Amino acid sequence: MMLKHRTVAIVLALTAFSPCPVWADVKGGVDAWAQGDYGRAVAIWKPLADAGDADALFNLGQAYKLGRGVPTDINRALDLYRKATEKGHAQAEDNYGLLLFQQGRRAEAMPYLMRSAERGEPRAQYLAGTALFNGDHVTKDWVRAYAMMSRSAASGLPQAAHTLSIMDQYIPQEQRIEGIALAEQMDVKAQQATLAANTGKPAAKMPAPTQPPRPTATPKPVAAPQKAAPPPPSPAPAPAAQGNWRIQLGAFSEARRAETQWKAVSAKVPALSSYQHYTPSDGKIVRLQAGPLASRADAAKLCVSIKAAGADCIVKAI
């Protein structure tokens, strides 16, 4: 099981920590970093990193990557991330895989990116999904590729939503449906792992430094054969007063994410504003649906409009 960490959150969300004898010193570095005193933060973390503290290793890696308090040194950052990863530091593994990929060491990066993607890191999901679609350094697996890209798109990563729309043109519907089901299973597994890791551990928020860097991963476009542009979609069907069909726009671990997706897709597909949206939940997964629609054909037609806008959509009977 991955450890909980006391870390400087630069790109990723702030995490919880577990008290230990060196926590006050690590947090002292975090506080100095938040105040812009990078040299002092580095001075605090260096001896702790030398002693093998995972959080200090990760934080020091961030400093070398960004060139704050020390000269920029990507190789040194990679070494520190690797050492923290070996101690079970999840954020370090996220950054290690992404930075390896950015440095062109893609085959070496892929195992780390796959684990990060399973945990729910959106950039890693995007890169893993692209690699699985193309068969780059991994065995081609379109179901898993679609699952990874769906999860990344649901997190709000713009390039993932665009790539998912490209995948829709090549991956058969049956495999896309399997991919959506697999994405739901992955979300549940990731949520359960997070809950297990948080059990019995106090949480604390640490201040984030100003001016966070841009995402570290360099997107790679999906390599697919050229196809003629599809014809423009038919107009969306008129809403029905009642019906036994809905469309599903995604599955999420939180209702908040479902509502965010509804606003995003509605902005792209104005016809959706005429429909009611629903967020049924089984206690683990929140599904975003819209309707009602009078027939499967009407639901499928509305899905065409939504997919043309780069969003996910499947037909659901109710």
C-alpha atoms as a PDB file:
ATOM      1  CA  MET A   1       0.000   0.000   0.000  1.00  0.00           C
ATOM      2  CA  MET A   2       1.317   3.449  -0.835  1.00  0.00           C
ATOM      3  CA  LEU A   3       2.369   5.611   2.143  1.00  0.00           C
ATOM      4  CA  LYS A   4       0.700   8.905   3.045  1.00  0.00           C
ATOM      5  CA  HIS A   5       3.128  11.758   2.760  1.00  0.00           C
ATOM      6  CA  ARG A   6       4.058  15.181   4.003  1.00  0.00           C
ATOM      7  CA  THR A   7       4.882  16.853   0.725  1.00  0.00           C
ATOM      8  CA  VAL A   8       5.064  20.090  -1.182  1.00  0.00           C
ATOM      9  CA  ALA A   9       2.164  19.919  -3.649  1.00  0.00           C
ATOM     10  CA  ILE A  10       3.356  21.674  -6.803  1.00  0.00           C
ATOM     11  CA  VAL A  11       1.150  20.258  -9.594  1.00  0.00           C
ATOM     12  CA  LEU A  12      -0.915  17.657  -7.781  1.00  0.00           C
ATOM     13  CA  ALA A  13      -3.430  18.111  -4.972  1.00  0.00           C
ATOM     14  CA  LEU A  14      -2.186  18.564  -1.402  1.00  0.00           C
ATOM     15  CA  THR A  15      -2.004  15.302   0.526  1.00  0.00           C
ATOM     16  CA  ALA A  16      -2.395  14.038   4.053  1.00  0.00           C
ATOM     17  CA  PHE A  17       0.535  13.155   6.292  1.00  0.00           C
ATOM     18  CA  SER A  18       1.302  10.808   9.153  1.00  0.00           C
ATOM     19  CA  PRO A  19       3.120  12.201  12.204  1.00  0.00           C
ATOM     20  CA  CYS A  20       6.596  10.854  12.759  1.00  0.00           C
ATOM     21  CA  PRO A  21       9.721  12.073  14.614  1.00  0.00           C
ATOM     22  CA  VAL A  22      10.963  14.120  11.627  1.00  0.00           C
ATOM     23  CA  TRP A  23       7.587  15.583  10.654  1.00  0.00           C
ATOM     24  CA  ALA A  24       8.207  18.961  12.323  1.00  0.00           C
ATOM     25  CA  ASP A  25      11.429  19.381  10.321  1.00  0.00           C
ATOM     26  CA  VAL A  26       9.802  18.367   7.045  1.00  0.00           C
ATOM     27  CA  LYS A  27       6.897  20.699   7.689  1.00  0.00           C
ATOM     28  CA  GLY A  28       9.336  23.446   8.598  1.00  0.00           C
ATOM     29  CA  GLY A  29      10.706  23.149   5.077  1.00  0.00           C
ATOM     30  CA  VAL A  30       7.191  23.181   3.629  1.00  0.00           C
ATOM     31  CA  ASP A  31       6.387  26.359   5.591  1.00  0.00           C
ATOM     32  CA  ALA A  32       9.616  28.025   4.405  1.00  0.00           C
ATOM     33  CA  TRP A  33       8.808  27.029   0.806  1.00  0.00           C
ATOM     34  CA  ALA A  34       5.304  28.483   1.070  1.00  0.00           C
ATOM     35  CA  GLN A  35       6.824  31.756   2.255  1.00  0.00           C
ATOM     36  CA  GLY A  36       9.185  31.839  -0.717  1.00  0.00           C
ATOM     37  CA  ASP A  37      12.281  31.038   1.340  1.00  0.00           C
ATOM     38  CA  TYR A  38      13.412  28.208  -0.938  1.00  0.00           C
ATOM     39  CA  GLY A  39      17.011  28.170   0.268  1.00  0.00           C
ATOM     40  CA  ARG A  40      15.926  27.539   3.848  1.00  0.00           C
ATOM     41  CA  ALA A  41      13.465  24.849   2.728  1.00  0.00           C
ATOM     42  CA  VAL A  42      16.216  23.039   0.830  1.00  0.00           C
ATOM     43  CA  ALA A  43      18.590  23.320   3.795  1.00  0.00           C
ATOM     44  CA  ILE A  44      15.981  21.669   6.028  1.00  0.00           C
ATOM     45  CA  TRP A  45      15.172  18.864   3.581  1.00  0.00           C
ATOM     46  CA  LYS A  46      18.705  17.903   2.513  1.00  0.00           C
ATOM     47  CA  PRO A  47      19.809  16.093   5.701  1.00  0.00           C
ATOM     48  CA  LEU A  48      16.417  14.409   5.980  1.00  0.00           C
ATOM     49  CA  ALA A  49      16.644  13.257   2.370  1.00  0.00           C
ATOM     50  CA  ASP A  50      20.169  11.953   3.012  1.00  0.00           C
ATOM     51  CA  ALA A  51      18.694   9.979   5.931  1.00  0.00           C
ATOM     52  CA  GLY A  52      16.124   8.434   3.561  1.00  0.00           C
ATOM     53  CA  ASP A  53      12.926  10.336   4.463  1.00  0.00           C
ATOM     54  CA  ALA A  54      10.539   9.826   1.522  1.00  0.00           C
ATOM     55  CA  ASP A  55       8.811  13.200   1.825  1.00  0.00           C
ATOM     56  CA  ALA A  56      12.102  15.086   2.038  1.00  0.00           C
ATOM     57  CA  LEU A  57      13.371  13.191  -1.017  1.00  0.00           C
ATOM     58  CA  PHE A  58      10.261  14.133  -2.988  1.00  0.00           C
ATOM     59  CA  ASN A  59      10.295  17.781  -1.865  1.00  0.00           C
ATOM     60  CA  LEU A  60      13.971  18.116  -2.683  1.00  0.00           C
ATOM     61  CA  GLY A  61      13.265  16.586  -6.089  1.00  0.00           C
ATOM     62  CA  GLN A  62      10.676  19.305  -6.674  1.00  0.00           C
ATOM     63  CA  ALA A  63      13.233  21.961  -5.768  1.00  0.00           C
ATOM     64  CA  TYR A  64      15.787  20.610  -8.257  1.00  0.00           C
ATOM     65  CA  LYS A  65      13.156  20.220 -10.969  1.00  0.00           C
ATOM     66  CA  LEU A  66      11.970  23.816 -10.578  1.00  0.00           C
ATOM     67  CA  GLY A  67      15.343  25.383  -9.775  1.00  0.00           C
ATOM     68  CA  ARG A  68      14.188  26.932  -6.514  1.00  0.00           C
ATOM     69  CA  GLY A  69      16.783  27.172  -3.758  1.00  0.00           C
ATOM     70  CA  VAL A  70      19.148  25.126  -5.941  1.00  0.00           C
ATOM     71  CA  PRO A  71      20.172  25.225  -9.617  1.00  0.00           C
ATOM     72  CA  THR A  72      17.805  23.384 -11.947  1.00  0.00           C
ATOM     73  CA  ASP A  73      19.052  19.809 -12.318  1.00  0.00           C
ATOM     74  CA  ILE A  74      16.637  17.384 -13.993  1.00  0.00           C
ATOM     75  CA  ASN A  75      18.907  14.378 -13.505  1.00  0.00           C
ATOM     76  CA  ARG A  76      19.178  15.113  -9.790  1.00  0.00           C
ATOM     77  CA  ALA A  77      15.392  15.541  -9.606  1.00  0.00           C
ATOM     78  CA  LEU A  78      14.885  12.201 -11.334  1.00  0.00           C
ATOM     79  CA  ASP A  79      17.261  10.478  -8.897  1.00  0.00           C
ATOM     80  CA  LEU A  80      15.443  11.931  -5.890  1.00  0.00           C
ATOM     81  CA  TYR A  81      12.023  11.024  -7.293  1.00  0.00           C
ATOM     82  CA  ARG A  82      13.268   7.486  -7.938  1.00  0.00           C
ATOM     83  CA  LYS A  83      14.513   7.081  -4.375  1.00  0.00           C
ATOM     84  CA  ALA A  84      11.239   8.394  -2.950  1.00  0.00           C
ATOM     85  CA  THR A  85       9.295   6.100  -5.304  1.00  0.00           C
ATOM     86  CA  GLU A  86      11.236   3.098  -4.034  1.00  0.00           C
ATOM     87  CA  LYS A  87      10.024   4.026  -0.542  1.00  0.00           C
ATOM     88  CA  GLY A  88       6.400   3.970  -1.670  1.00  0.00           C
ATOM     89  CA  HIS A  89       5.816   7.703  -2.255  1.00  0.00           C
ATOM     90  CA  ALA A  90       2.892   7.937  -4.723  1.00  0.00           C
ATOM     91  CA  GLN A  91       3.401  11.572  -5.750  1.00  0.00           C
ATOM     92  CA  ALA A  92       7.069  10.893  -6.395  1.00  0.00           C
ATOM     93  CA  GLU A  93       6.121   7.992  -8.656  1.00  0.00           C
ATOM     94  CA  ASP A  94       3.655  10.241 -10.524  1.00  0.00           C
ATOM     95  CA  ASN A  95       6.327  12.874 -11.130  1.00  0.00           C
ATOM     96  CA  TYR A  96       9.028  10.313 -11.883  1.00  0.00           C
ATOM     97  CA  GLY A  97       7.020   8.657 -14.653  1.00  0.00           C
ATOM     98  CA  LEU A  98       5.888  11.956 -16.160  1.00  0.00           C
ATOM     99  CA  LEU A  99       9.392  13.428 -16.096  1.00  0.00           C
ATOM    100  CA  LEU A 100      10.923  10.286 -17.614  1.00  0.00           C
ATOM    101  CA  PHE A 101       8.358  10.529 -20.424  1.00  0.00           C
ATOM    102  CA  GLN A 102       9.106  14.215 -20.926  1.00  0.00           C
ATOM    103  CA  GLN A 103      12.806  13.428 -21.188  1.00  0.00           C
ATOM    104  CA  GLY A 104      12.145  10.957 -23.996  1.00  0.00           C
ATOM    105  CA  ARG A 105      12.652   7.837 -21.855  1.00  0.00           C
ATOM    106  CA  ARG A 106       9.183   6.576 -22.721  1.00  0.00           C
ATOM    107  CA  ALA A 107       9.682   2.828 -22.467  1.00  0.00           C
ATOM    108  CA  GLU A 108      11.263   3.299 -19.045  1.00  0.00           C
ATOM    109  CA  ALA A 109       8.451   5.637 -17.980  1.00  0.00           C
ATOM    110  CA  MET A 110       5.565   3.384 -18.970  1.00  0.00           C
ATOM    111  CA  PRO A 111       5.404   1.055 -15.902  1.00  0.00           C
ATOM    112  CA  TYR A 112       5.339   4.083 -13.590  1.00  0.00           C
ATOM    113  CA  LEU A 113       2.735   5.864 -15.721  1.00  0.00           C
ATOM    114  CA  MET A 114       0.524   2.768 -15.704  1.00  0.00           C
ATOM    115  CA  ARG A 115       0.563   2.603 -11.899  1.00  0.00           C
ATOM    116  CA  SER A 116      -0.097   6.345 -11.638  1.00  0.00           C
ATOM    117  CA  ALA A 117      -2.963   6.005 -14.110  1.00  0.00           C
ATOM    118  CA  GLU A 118      -4.517   3.199 -12.062  1.00  0.00           C
ATOM    119  CA  ARG A 119      -4.403   5.470  -8.997  1.00  0.00           C
ATOM    120  CA  GLY A 120      -6.198   8.215 -10.920  1.00  0.00           C
ATOM    121  CA  GLU A 121      -3.508  10.697 -12.071  1.00  0.00           C
ATOM    122  CA  PRO A 122      -5.173  12.386 -15.101  1.00  0.00           C
ATOM    123  CA  ARG A 123      -2.000  13.157 -17.102  1.00  0.00           C
ATOM    124  CA  ALA A 124      -0.734   9.617 -16.601  1.00  0.00           C
ATOM    125  CA  GLN A 125      -4.148   8.281 -17.667  1.00  0.00           C
ATOM    126  CA  TYR A 126      -3.939  10.332 -20.858  1.00  0.00           C
ATOM    127  CA  LEU A 127      -0.460   9.067 -21.718  1.00  0.00           C
ATOM    128  CA  ALA A 128      -1.251   5.468 -20.735  1.00  0.00           C
ATOM    129  CA  GLY A 129      -4.475   5.534 -22.758  1.00  0.00           C
ATOM    130  CA  THR A 130      -2.636   6.841 -25.819  1.00  0.00           C
ATOM    131  CA  ALA A 131       0.090   4.197 -25.471  1.00  0.00           C
ATOM    132  CA  LEU A 132      -2.486   1.407 -25.112  1.00  0.00           C
ATOM    133  CA  PHE A 133      -4.371   2.658 -28.177  1.00  0.00           C
ATOM    134  CA  ASN A 134      -1.224   2.793 -30.317  1.00  0.00           C
ATOM    135  CA  GLY A 135       0.609  -0.180 -28.803  1.00  0.00           C
ATOM    136  CA  ASP A 136       3.582   2.043 -27.876  1.00  0.00           C
ATOM    137  CA  HIS A 137       5.862   0.185 -25.418  1.00  0.00           C
ATOM    138  CA  VAL A 138       2.822  -1.794 -24.224  1.00  0.00           C
ATOM    139  CA  THR A 139       0.521  -4.388 -25.749  1.00  0.00           C
ATOM    140  CA  LYS A 140      -2.282  -2.713 -27.707  1.00  0.00           C
ATOM    141  CA  ASP A 141      -5.515  -2.864 -25.730  1.00  0.00           C
ATOM    142  CA  TRP A 142      -8.338  -0.660 -26.990  1.00  0.00           C
ATOM    143  CA  VAL A 143     -10.725  -1.483 -24.136  1.00  0.00           C
ATOM    144  CA  ARG A 144      -8.205  -0.439 -21.514  1.00  0.00           C
ATOM    145  CA  ALA A 145      -7.147   2.552 -23.624  1.00  0.00           C
ATOM    146  CA  TYR A 146     -10.742   3.766 -23.767  1.00  0.00           C
ATOM    147  CA  ALA A 147     -11.139   3.259 -20.011  1.00  0.00           C
ATOM    148  CA  MET A 148      -7.998   5.279 -19.236  1.00  0.00           C
ATOM    149  CA  MET A 149      -8.897   8.079 -21.636  1.00  0.00           C
ATOM    150  CA  SER A 150     -12.487   8.234 -20.331  1.00  0.00           C
ATOM    151  CA  ARG A 151     -11.234   8.671 -16.762  1.00  0.00           C
ATOM    152  CA  SER A 152      -8.768  11.358 -17.847  1.00  0.00           C
ATOM    153  CA  ALA A 153     -11.442  13.220 -19.813  1.00  0.00           C
ATOM    154  CA  ALA A 154     -13.855  13.020 -16.864  1.00  0.00           C
ATOM    155  CA  SER A 155     -11.212  14.713 -14.710  1.00  0.00           C
ATOM    156  CA  GLY A 156     -11.338  17.719 -17.040  1.00  0.00           C
ATOM    157  CA  LEU A 157      -8.109  17.274 -19.026  1.00  0.00           C
ATOM    158  CA  PRO A 158      -8.940  19.009 -22.344  1.00  0.00           C
ATOM    159  CA  GLN A 159      -6.634  16.964 -24.583  1.00  0.00           C
ATOM    160  CA  ALA A 160      -8.131  13.758 -23.190  1.00  0.00           C
ATOM    161  CA  ALA A 161     -11.654  14.769 -24.221  1.00  0.00           C
ATOM    162  CA  HIS A 162     -10.375  15.548 -27.722  1.00  0.00           C
ATOM    163  CA  THR A 163      -8.490  12.250 -27.991  1.00  0.00           C
ATOM    164  CA  LEU A 164     -11.518  10.340 -26.719  1.00  0.00           C
ATOM    165  CA  SER A 165     -13.555  11.747 -29.613  1.00  0.00           C
ATOM    166  CA  ILE A 166     -10.889  10.465 -32.021  1.00  0.00           C
ATOM    167  CA  MET A 167     -10.983   7.029 -30.386  1.00  0.00           C
ATOM    168  CA  ASP A 168     -14.760   6.984 -30.911  1.00  0.00           C
ATOM    169  CA  GLN A 169     -14.104   6.923 -34.662  1.00  0.00           C
ATOM    170  CA  TYR A 170     -11.923   3.788 -34.525  1.00  0.00           C
ATOM    171  CA  ILE A 171     -12.818   1.689 -31.490  1.00  0.00           C
ATOM    172  CA  PRO A 172     -15.922  -0.493 -32.049  1.00  0.00           C
ATOM    173  CA  GLN A 173     -18.944   0.357 -29.910  1.00  0.00           C
ATOM    174  CA  GLU A 174     -18.813  -2.966 -28.066  1.00  0.00           C
ATOM    175  CA  GLN A 175     -15.244  -2.283 -26.944  1.00  0.00           C
ATOM    176  CA  ARG A 176     -16.128   1.285 -25.968  1.00  0.00           C
ATOM    177  CA  ILE A 177     -18.927  -0.012 -23.748  1.00  0.00           C
ATOM    178  CA  GLU A 178     -16.490  -2.468 -22.157  1.00  0.00           C
ATOM    179  CA  GLY A 179     -14.062   0.402 -21.658  1.00  0.00           C
ATOM    180  CA  ILE A 180     -16.655   2.528 -19.860  1.00  0.00           C
ATOM    181  CA  ALA A 181     -17.497  -0.378 -17.556  1.00  0.00           C
ATOM    182  CA  LEU A 182     -13.797  -0.909 -16.865  1.00  0.00           C
ATOM    183  CA  ALA A 183     -13.366   2.817 -16.119  1.00  0.00           C
ATOM    184  CA  GLU A 184     -16.121   2.549 -13.514  1.00  0.00           C
ATOM    185  CA  GLN A 185     -14.350  -0.420 -11.914  1.00  0.00           C
ATOM    186  CA  MET A 186     -11.077   1.519 -11.881  1.00  0.00           C
ATOM    187  CA  ASP A 187     -12.750   4.497 -10.217  1.00  0.00           C
ATOM    188  CA  VAL A 188     -14.218   2.279  -7.500  1.00  0.00           C
ATOM    189  CA  LYS A 189     -10.870   0.570  -6.906  1.00  0.00           C
ATOM    190  CA  ALA A 190      -9.030   3.901  -6.706  1.00  0.00           C
ATOM    191  CA  GLN A 191     -11.622   5.316  -4.319  1.00  0.00           C
ATOM    192  CA  GLN A 192     -11.395   2.258  -2.073  1.00  0.00           C
ATOM    193  CA  ALA A 193      -7.594   2.492  -2.039  1.00  0.00           C
ATOM    194  CA  THR A 194      -7.788   6.166  -1.051  1.00  0.00           C
ATOM    195  CA  LEU A 195     -10.242   5.430   1.756  1.00  0.00           C
ATOM    196  CA  ALA A 196      -8.062   2.585   3.017  1.00  0.00           C
ATOM    197  CA  ALA A 197      -4.974   4.794   2.975  1.00  0.00           C
ATOM    198  CA  ASN A 198      -6.775   7.556   4.896  1.00  0.00           C
ATOM    199  CA  THR A 199      -8.229   5.283   7.578  1.00  0.00           C
ATOM    200  CA  GLY A 200      -7.025   6.289  10.994  1.00  0.00           C
ATOM    201  CA  LYS A 201      -4.650   8.936   9.655  1.00  0.00           C
ATOM    202  CA  PRO A 202      -5.087  12.652  10.460  1.00  0.00           C
ATOM    203  CA  ALA A 203      -5.203  14.959   7.472  1.00  0.00           C
ATOM    204  CA  ALA A 204      -3.708  18.420   7.184  1.00  0.00           C
ATOM    205  CA  LYS A 205      -3.525  20.911   4.377  1.00  0.00           C
ATOM    206  CA  MET A 206      -0.201  22.499   3.575  1.00  0.00           C
ATOM    207  CA  PRO A 207       0.104  25.813   1.742  1.00  0.00           C
ATOM    208  CA  ALA A 208       0.908  25.513  -1.943  1.00  0.00           C
ATOM    209  CA  PRO A 209       3.717  27.671  -3.385  1.00  0.00           C
ATOM    210  CA  THR A 210       2.784  30.410  -5.807  1.00  0.00           C
ATOM    211  CA  GLN A 211       3.196  30.162  -9.568  1.00  0.00           C
ATOM    212  CA  PRO A 212       2.809  26.387 -10.017  1.00  0.00           C
ATOM    213  CA  PRO A 213       4.522  25.013 -13.120  1.00  0.00           C
ATOM    214  CA  ARG A 214       2.666  23.772 -16.182  1.00  0.00           C
ATOM    215  CA  PRO A 215       1.925  20.046 -16.489  1.00  0.00           C
ATOM    216  CA  THR A 216       5.101  18.056 -17.039  1.00  0.00           C
ATOM    217  CA  ALA A 217       3.769  15.549 -19.561  1.00  0.00           C
ATOM    218  CA  THR A 218       4.169  16.234 -23.264  1.00  0.00           C
ATOM    219  CA  PRO A 219       0.975  15.051 -24.983  1.00  0.00           C
ATOM    220  CA  LYS A 220       1.414  12.592 -27.826  1.00  0.00           C
ATOM    221  CA  PRO A 221      -1.374  12.595 -30.418  1.00  0.00           C
ATOM    222  CA  VAL A 222      -3.141   9.365 -31.189  1.00  0.00           C
ATOM    223  CA  ALA A 223      -1.593   7.733 -34.226  1.00  0.00           C
ATOM    224  CA  ALA A 224      -4.530   6.490 -36.283  1.00  0.00           C
ATOM    225  CA  PRO A 225      -5.081   5.992 -40.014  1.00  0.00           C
ATOM    226  CA  GLN A 226      -6.496   8.937 -41.883  1.00  0.00           C
ATOM    227  CA  LYS A 227     -10.236   8.818 -42.383  1.00  0.00           C
ATOM    228  CA  ALA A 228     -12.618  11.036 -44.268  1.00  0.00           C
ATOM    229  CA  ALA A 229     -14.321  13.598 -42.074  1.00  0.00           C
ATOM    230  CA  PRO A 230     -17.635  12.265 -40.771  1.00  0.00           C
ATOM    231  CA  PRO A 231     -20.810  13.955 -41.980  1.00  0.00           C
ATOM    232  CA  PRO A 232     -22.282  16.592 -39.677  1.00  0.00           C
ATOM    233  CA  PRO A 233     -24.531  15.087 -37.009  1.00  0.00           C
ATOM    234  CA  SER A 234     -28.308  15.218 -37.350  1.00  0.00           C
ATOM    235  CA  PRO A 235     -30.123  17.762 -35.184  1.00  0.00           C
ATOM    236  CA  ALA A 236     -30.734  16.574 -31.644  1.00  0.00           C
ATOM    237  CA  PRO A 237     -34.234  15.196 -31.025  1.00  0.00           C
ATOM    238  CA  ALA A 238     -36.800  17.311 -29.220  1.00  0.00           C
ATOM    239  CA  PRO A 239     -37.163  16.511 -25.509  1.00  0.00           C
ATOM    240  CA  ALA A 240     -39.941  14.109 -24.554  1.00  0.00           C
ATOM    241  CA  ALA A 241     -42.297  14.808 -21.678  1.00  0.00           C
ATOM    242  CA  GLN A 242     -41.750  11.214 -20.621  1.00  0.00           C
ATOM    243  CA  GLY A 243     -39.910   8.192 -21.912  1.00  0.00           C
ATOM    244  CA  ASN A 244     -37.981   5.099 -20.931  1.00  0.00           C
ATOM    245  CA  TRP A 245     -34.584   6.158 -22.234  1.00  0.00           C
ATOM    246  CA  ARG A 246     -31.726   8.316 -21.026  1.00  0.00           C
ATOM    247  CA  ILE A 247     -28.204   9.043 -22.131  1.00  0.00           C
ATOM    248  CA  GLN A 248     -25.255   8.607 -19.780  1.00  0.00           C
ATOM    249  CA  LEU A 249     -22.435  11.153 -19.918  1.00  0.00           C
ATOM    250  CA  GLY A 250     -20.023   9.527 -17.492  1.00  0.00           C
ATOM    251  CA  ALA A 251     -19.473   7.836 -14.148  1.00  0.00           C
ATOM    252  CA  PHE A 252     -17.675   9.554 -11.281  1.00  0.00           C
ATOM    253  CA  SER A 253     -16.504   8.958  -7.743  1.00  0.00           C
ATOM    254  CA  GLU A 254     -18.045  12.267  -6.554  1.00  0.00           C
ATOM    255  CA  ALA A 255     -21.287  14.112  -7.313  1.00  0.00           C
ATOM    256  CA  ARG A 256     -19.297  17.329  -7.656  1.00  0.00           C
ATOM    257  CA  ARG A 257     -17.374  15.930 -10.604  1.00  0.00           C
ATOM    258  CA  ALA A 258     -20.619  14.840 -12.264  1.00  0.00           C
ATOM    259  CA  GLU A 259     -22.076  18.349 -11.929  1.00  0.00           C
ATOM    260  CA  THR A 260     -18.891  19.868 -13.352  1.00  0.00           C
ATOM    261  CA  GLN A 261     -19.099  17.528 -16.339  1.00  0.00           C
ATOM    262  CA  TRP A 262     -22.762  18.425 -16.897  1.00  0.00           C
ATOM    263  CA  LYS A 263     -21.911  22.126 -17.077  1.00  0.00           C
ATOM    264  CA  ALA A 264     -19.017  21.461 -19.442  1.00  0.00           C
ATOM    265  CA  VAL A 265     -20.961  19.235 -21.845  1.00  0.00           C
ATOM    266  CA  SER A 266     -24.069  21.452 -21.750  1.00  0.00           C
ATOM    267  CA  ALA A 267     -21.922  24.402 -22.789  1.00  0.00           C
ATOM    268  CA  LYS A 268     -20.703  22.439 -25.828  1.00  0.00           C
ATOM    269  CA  VAL A 269     -24.116  20.956 -26.745  1.00  0.00           C
ATOM    270  CA  PRO A 270     -26.817  23.633 -26.213  1.00  0.00           C
ATOM    271  CA  ALA A 271     -29.575  21.105 -26.977  1.00  0.00           C
ATOM    272  CA  LEU A 272     -28.817  19.395 -23.660  1.00  0.00           C
ATOM    273  CA  SER A 273     -30.147  22.395 -21.716  1.00  0.00           C
ATOM    274  CA  SER A 274     -33.665  21.280 -22.671  1.00  0.00           C
ATOM    275  CA  TYR A 275     -33.253  17.974 -20.836  1.00  0.00           C
ATOM    276  CA  GLN A 276     -33.306  17.121 -17.161  1.00  0.00           C
ATOM    277  CA  HIS A 277     -30.034  15.794 -15.778  1.00  0.00           C
ATOM    278  CA  TYR A 278     -29.826  13.100 -13.115  1.00  0.00           C
ATOM    279  CA  THR A 279     -27.035  11.840 -10.848  1.00  0.00           C
ATOM    280  CA  PRO A 280     -28.105   8.397  -9.584  1.00  0.00           C
ATOM    281  CA  SER A 281     -25.620   6.770  -7.204  1.00  0.00           C
ATOM    282  CA  ASP A 282     -25.128   3.291  -5.779  1.00  0.00           C
ATOM    283  CA  GLY A 283     -23.099   4.722  -2.895  1.00  0.00           C
ATOM    284  CA  LYS A 284     -19.811   4.223  -4.715  1.00  0.00           C
ATOM    285  CA  ILE A 285     -20.292   5.557  -8.224  1.00  0.00           C
ATOM    286  CA  VAL A 286     -22.262   8.637  -9.325  1.00  0.00           C
ATOM    287  CA  ARG A 287     -23.549   8.415 -12.889  1.00  0.00           C
ATOM    288  CA  LEU A 288     -24.402  11.492 -14.933  1.00  0.00           C
ATOM    289  CA  GLN A 289     -27.496  10.970 -17.079  1.00  0.00           C
ATOM    290  CA  ALA A 290     -29.913  13.137 -19.046  1.00  0.00           C
ATOM    291  CA  GLY A 291     -33.418  12.616 -20.399  1.00  0.00           C
ATOM    292  CA  PRO A 292     -36.066  11.432 -20.647  1.00  0.00           C
ATOM    293  CA  LEU A 293     -36.109  10.389 -24.300  1.00  0.00           C
ATOM    294  CA  ALA A 294     -38.969   8.670 -26.073  1.00  0.00           C
ATOM    295  CA  SER A 295     -36.971   5.970 -27.867  1.00  0.00           C
ATOM    296  CA  ARG A 296     -33.573   4.340 -28.200  1.00  0.00           C
ATOM    297  CA  ALA A 297     -33.250   5.978 -31.624  1.00  0.00           C
ATOM    298  CA  ASP A 298     -33.769   9.440 -30.117  1.00  0.00           C
ATOM    299  CA  ALA A 299     -31.227   8.709 -27.402  1.00  0.00           C
ATOM    300  CA  ALA A 300     -28.698   7.469 -29.952  1.00  0.00           C
ATOM    301  CA  LYS A 301     -29.243  10.576 -32.088  1.00  0.00           C
ATOM    302  CA  LEU A 302     -28.590  12.843 -29.091  1.00  0.00           C
ATOM    303  CA  CYS A 303     -25.429  10.852 -28.321  1.00  0.00           C
ATOM    304  CA  VAL A 304     -24.176  11.569 -31.845  1.00  0.00           C
ATOM    305  CA  SER A 305     -24.379  15.314 -31.152  1.00  0.00           C
ATOM    306  CA  ILE A 306     -22.603  14.915 -27.829  1.00  0.00           C
ATOM    307  CA  LYS A 307     -19.796  12.759 -29.206  1.00  0.00           C
ATOM    308  CA  ALA A 308     -19.304  15.224 -32.053  1.00  0.00           C
ATOM    309  CA  ALA A 309     -18.549  17.783 -29.319  1.00  0.00           C
ATOM    310  CA  GLY A 310     -15.849  15.514 -27.899  1.00  0.00           C
ATOM    311  CA  ALA A 311     -17.731  14.111 -24.886  1.00  0.00           C
ATOM    312  CA  ASP A 312     -18.623  10.558 -23.908  1.00  0.00           C
ATOM    313  CA  CYS A 313     -22.193   9.280 -24.283  1.00  0.00           C
ATOM    314  CA  ILE A 314     -23.989   5.943 -24.072  1.00  0.00           C
ATOM    315  CA  VAL A 315     -27.678   5.009 -24.289  1.00  0.00           C
ATOM    316  CA  LYS A 316     -29.362   3.717 -21.135  1.00  0.00           C
ATOM    317  CA  ALA A 317     -32.803   2.137 -20.687  1.00  0.00           C
ATOM    318  CA  ILE A 318     -34.667   3.059 -17.486  1.00  0.00           C
END
